[in-house]
């Protein structure tokens, strides 16, 4: 009986430790995702604007798409 109690206590401590580390990893991932997402939006905007040449309307469309992309990054939090 005493051995079983010790085993249950040990396993519950191990499980809570793993849960805490999973929670920490998830929080770190959530902080990093928007940064990577914004970088992807910026890269896509640069490529889009480069393909536009001198067309102001095209560049404006690229900028609008990049802004929408960045807004979606913020929603992922």
N, C-alpha and C. Protein backbone atom coordinates (compact mmCIF):
# COMPACT_ATOMS: atom_id res chain seq x y z
N UNK A 1 0.83 -1.19 0.00
CA UNK A 1 0.00 0.00 0.00
C UNK A 1 0.86 1.24 0.00
N UNK A 2 1.88 1.25 0.86
CA UNK A 2 2.75 2.41 0.96
C UNK A 2 3.54 2.61 -0.33
N UNK A 3 3.97 1.52 -0.93
CA UNK A 3 4.69 1.60 -2.21
C UNK A 3 3.81 2.15 -3.31
N UNK A 4 2.54 1.75 -3.32
CA UNK A 4 1.60 2.24 -4.32
C UNK A 4 1.38 3.74 -4.16
N UNK A 5 1.26 4.19 -2.92
CA UNK A 5 1.08 5.61 -2.65
C UNK A 5 2.29 6.41 -3.13
N UNK A 6 3.47 5.89 -2.86
CA UNK A 6 4.69 6.57 -3.30
C UNK A 6 4.76 6.63 -4.83
N UNK A 7 4.37 5.55 -5.48
CA UNK A 7 4.38 5.51 -6.94
C UNK A 7 3.39 6.53 -7.51
N UNK A 8 2.20 6.61 -6.94
CA UNK A 8 1.19 7.56 -7.40
C UNK A 8 1.70 8.99 -7.22
N UNK A 9 2.30 9.28 -6.09
CA UNK A 9 2.84 10.62 -5.85
C UNK A 9 3.96 10.95 -6.84
N UNK A 10 4.82 10.00 -7.08
CA UNK A 10 5.93 10.22 -8.03
C UNK A 10 5.39 10.49 -9.43
N UNK A 11 4.45 9.66 -9.87
CA UNK A 11 3.90 9.81 -11.22
C UNK A 11 3.13 11.12 -11.37
N UNK A 12 2.41 11.54 -10.34
CA UNK A 12 1.67 12.80 -10.44
C UNK A 12 2.64 13.97 -10.50
N UNK A 13 3.75 13.90 -9.78
CA UNK A 13 4.76 14.95 -9.85
C UNK A 13 5.41 15.01 -11.22
N UNK A 14 5.67 13.86 -11.81
CA UNK A 14 6.27 13.80 -13.14
C UNK A 14 5.31 14.35 -14.18
N UNK A 15 4.06 13.99 -14.09
CA UNK A 15 3.06 14.45 -15.05
C UNK A 15 2.88 15.96 -14.96
N UNK A 16 2.84 16.52 -13.76
CA UNK A 16 2.66 17.97 -13.64
C UNK A 16 3.89 18.70 -14.15
N UNK A 17 5.07 18.12 -13.99
CA UNK A 17 6.29 18.73 -14.51
C UNK A 17 6.27 18.77 -16.03
N UNK A 18 5.83 17.67 -16.64
CA UNK A 18 5.74 17.63 -18.10
C UNK A 18 4.68 18.59 -18.61
N UNK A 19 3.58 18.70 -17.89
CA UNK A 19 2.51 19.62 -18.30
C UNK A 19 3.00 21.06 -18.25
N UNK A 20 3.78 21.38 -17.22
CA UNK A 20 4.31 22.74 -17.10
C UNK A 20 5.26 23.04 -18.25
N UNK A 21 6.12 22.09 -18.61
CA UNK A 21 7.06 22.34 -19.69
C UNK A 21 6.32 22.45 -21.03
N UNK A 22 5.26 21.68 -21.22
CA UNK A 22 4.46 21.80 -22.44
C UNK A 22 3.79 23.16 -22.52
N UNK A 23 3.28 23.63 -21.40
CA UNK A 23 2.64 24.94 -21.35
C UNK A 23 3.65 26.04 -21.67
N UNK A 24 4.85 25.93 -21.10
CA UNK A 24 5.90 26.92 -21.37
C UNK A 24 6.27 26.91 -22.85
N UNK A 25 6.42 25.73 -23.44
CA UNK A 25 6.76 25.65 -24.86
C UNK A 25 5.67 26.25 -25.73
N UNK A 26 4.43 26.02 -25.36
CA UNK A 26 3.31 26.58 -26.12
C UNK A 26 3.32 28.11 -26.05
N UNK A 27 3.59 28.65 -24.87
CA UNK A 27 3.63 30.10 -24.71
C UNK A 27 4.76 30.71 -25.52
N UNK A 28 5.92 30.07 -25.53
CA UNK A 28 7.05 30.55 -26.34
C UNK A 28 6.69 30.51 -27.81
N UNK A 29 6.06 29.42 -28.23
CA UNK A 29 5.67 29.29 -29.63
C UNK A 29 4.67 30.37 -30.02
N UNK A 30 3.75 30.70 -29.14
CA UNK A 30 2.77 31.73 -29.44
C UNK A 30 3.44 33.09 -29.58
N UNK A 31 4.48 33.36 -28.81
CA UNK A 31 5.20 34.63 -28.92
C UNK A 31 5.99 34.69 -30.22
N UNK A 32 6.52 33.56 -30.67
CA UNK A 32 7.36 33.54 -31.86
C UNK A 32 6.55 33.53 -33.15
N UNK A 33 5.39 32.93 -33.14
CA UNK A 33 4.60 32.80 -34.36
C UNK A 33 4.29 34.16 -34.99
N UNK A 34 3.81 35.16 -34.23
CA UNK A 34 3.53 36.44 -34.88
C UNK A 34 4.77 37.07 -35.51
N UNK A 35 5.94 36.94 -34.88
CA UNK A 35 7.16 37.50 -35.44
C UNK A 35 7.50 36.85 -36.77
N UNK A 36 7.43 35.53 -36.81
CA UNK A 36 7.70 34.81 -38.06
C UNK A 36 6.63 35.11 -39.10
N UNK A 37 5.40 35.24 -38.64
CA UNK A 37 4.29 35.53 -39.54
C UNK A 37 4.47 36.90 -40.18
N UNK A 38 4.82 37.89 -39.38
CA UNK A 38 5.03 39.25 -39.89
C UNK A 38 6.19 39.26 -40.88
N UNK A 39 7.26 38.51 -40.58
CA UNK A 39 8.39 38.44 -41.50
C UNK A 39 7.95 37.83 -42.84
N UNK A 40 7.09 36.83 -42.79
CA UNK A 40 6.57 36.22 -44.01
C UNK A 40 5.73 37.23 -44.80
N UNK A 41 4.91 38.01 -44.08
CA UNK A 41 4.10 39.05 -44.74
C UNK A 41 4.99 40.09 -45.40
N UNK A 42 6.04 40.50 -44.69
CA UNK A 42 6.96 41.50 -45.24
C UNK A 42 7.66 40.97 -46.49
N UNK A 43 8.06 39.72 -46.45
CA UNK A 43 8.73 39.10 -47.60
C UNK A 43 7.79 39.03 -48.80
N UNK A 44 6.55 38.62 -48.54
CA UNK A 44 5.56 38.54 -49.62
C UNK A 44 5.29 39.93 -50.19
N UNK A 45 5.24 40.95 -49.33
CA UNK A 45 5.00 42.31 -49.77
C UNK A 45 6.15 42.79 -50.65
N UNK A 46 7.38 42.48 -50.24
CA UNK A 46 8.54 42.88 -51.03
C UNK A 46 8.51 42.23 -52.41
N UNK A 47 8.21 40.93 -52.44
CA UNK A 47 8.15 40.22 -53.72
C UNK A 47 7.04 40.78 -54.60
N UNK A 48 5.90 41.04 -53.99
CA UNK A 48 4.77 41.58 -54.73
C UNK A 48 5.12 42.95 -55.31
N UNK A 49 5.68 43.83 -54.49
CA UNK A 49 6.03 45.18 -54.94
C UNK A 49 7.11 45.13 -56.01
N UNK A 50 8.04 44.21 -55.90
CA UNK A 50 9.10 44.07 -56.91
C UNK A 50 8.50 43.70 -58.26
N UNK A 51 7.50 42.84 -58.24
CA UNK A 51 6.85 42.42 -59.48
C UNK A 51 5.98 43.52 -60.08
N UNK A 52 5.62 44.51 -59.30
CA UNK A 52 4.75 45.59 -59.78
C UNK A 52 5.47 46.56 -60.71
N UNK A 53 6.76 46.70 -60.54
CA UNK A 53 7.47 47.70 -61.32
C UNK A 53 7.11 49.09 -60.83
N UNK A 54 6.69 49.95 -61.71
CA UNK A 54 6.39 51.34 -61.35
C UNK A 54 4.91 51.61 -61.16
N UNK A 55 4.09 50.59 -61.14
CA UNK A 55 2.66 50.78 -61.00
C UNK A 55 2.28 51.09 -59.56
N UNK A 56 1.83 52.32 -59.33
CA UNK A 56 1.45 52.74 -57.99
C UNK A 56 0.26 51.98 -57.45
N UNK A 57 -0.70 51.69 -58.32
CA UNK A 57 -1.89 50.96 -57.88
C UNK A 57 -1.53 49.54 -57.46
N UNK A 58 -0.60 48.94 -58.17
CA UNK A 58 -0.17 47.58 -57.85
C UNK A 58 0.55 47.57 -56.50
N UNK A 59 1.43 48.54 -56.28
CA UNK A 59 2.16 48.63 -55.00
C UNK A 59 1.17 48.86 -53.87
N UNK A 60 0.16 49.70 -54.11
CA UNK A 60 -0.85 49.95 -53.08
C UNK A 60 -1.61 48.67 -52.74
N UNK A 61 -1.91 47.86 -53.75
CA UNK A 61 -2.57 46.57 -53.51
C UNK A 61 -1.68 45.64 -52.70
N UNK A 62 -0.39 45.62 -53.02
CA UNK A 62 0.56 44.79 -52.25
C UNK A 62 0.59 45.23 -50.80
N UNK A 63 0.62 46.55 -50.58
CA UNK A 63 0.67 47.09 -49.22
C UNK A 63 -0.60 46.74 -48.46
N UNK A 64 -1.74 46.82 -49.10
CA UNK A 64 -3.01 46.45 -48.46
C UNK A 64 -3.03 44.96 -48.10
N UNK A 65 -2.54 44.13 -49.00
CA UNK A 65 -2.48 42.69 -48.72
C UNK A 65 -1.53 42.40 -47.57
N UNK A 66 -0.40 43.11 -47.51
CA UNK A 66 0.55 42.92 -46.41
C UNK A 66 -0.07 43.34 -45.08
N UNK A 67 -0.81 44.43 -45.07
CA UNK A 67 -1.46 44.88 -43.84
C UNK A 67 -2.49 43.85 -43.36
N UNK A 68 -3.26 43.30 -44.30
CA UNK A 68 -4.24 42.27 -43.94
C UNK A 68 -3.53 41.03 -43.40
N UNK A 69 -2.42 40.68 -44.02
CA UNK A 69 -1.63 39.53 -43.58
C UNK A 69 -1.15 39.75 -42.14
N UNK A 70 -0.64 40.93 -41.84
CA UNK A 70 -0.15 41.24 -40.50
C UNK A 70 -1.27 41.22 -39.47
N UNK A 71 -2.46 41.66 -39.88
CA UNK A 71 -3.61 41.59 -38.98
C UNK A 71 -3.95 40.15 -38.65
N UNK A 72 -3.87 39.27 -39.64
CA UNK A 72 -4.13 37.85 -39.38
C UNK A 72 -3.09 37.27 -38.44
N UNK A 73 -1.86 37.76 -38.54
CA UNK A 73 -0.81 37.29 -37.61
C UNK A 73 -1.19 37.62 -36.17
N UNK A 74 -1.72 38.82 -35.97
CA UNK A 74 -2.11 39.24 -34.63
C UNK A 74 -3.28 38.44 -34.08
N UNK A 75 -4.14 37.94 -34.96
CA UNK A 75 -5.30 37.17 -34.53
C UNK A 75 -4.91 35.79 -34.04
N UNK A 76 -3.75 35.30 -34.43
CA UNK A 76 -3.32 33.95 -34.06
C UNK A 76 -2.97 33.82 -32.59
N UNK A 77 -2.73 34.94 -31.94
CA UNK A 77 -2.34 34.90 -30.52
C UNK A 77 -3.39 34.20 -29.79
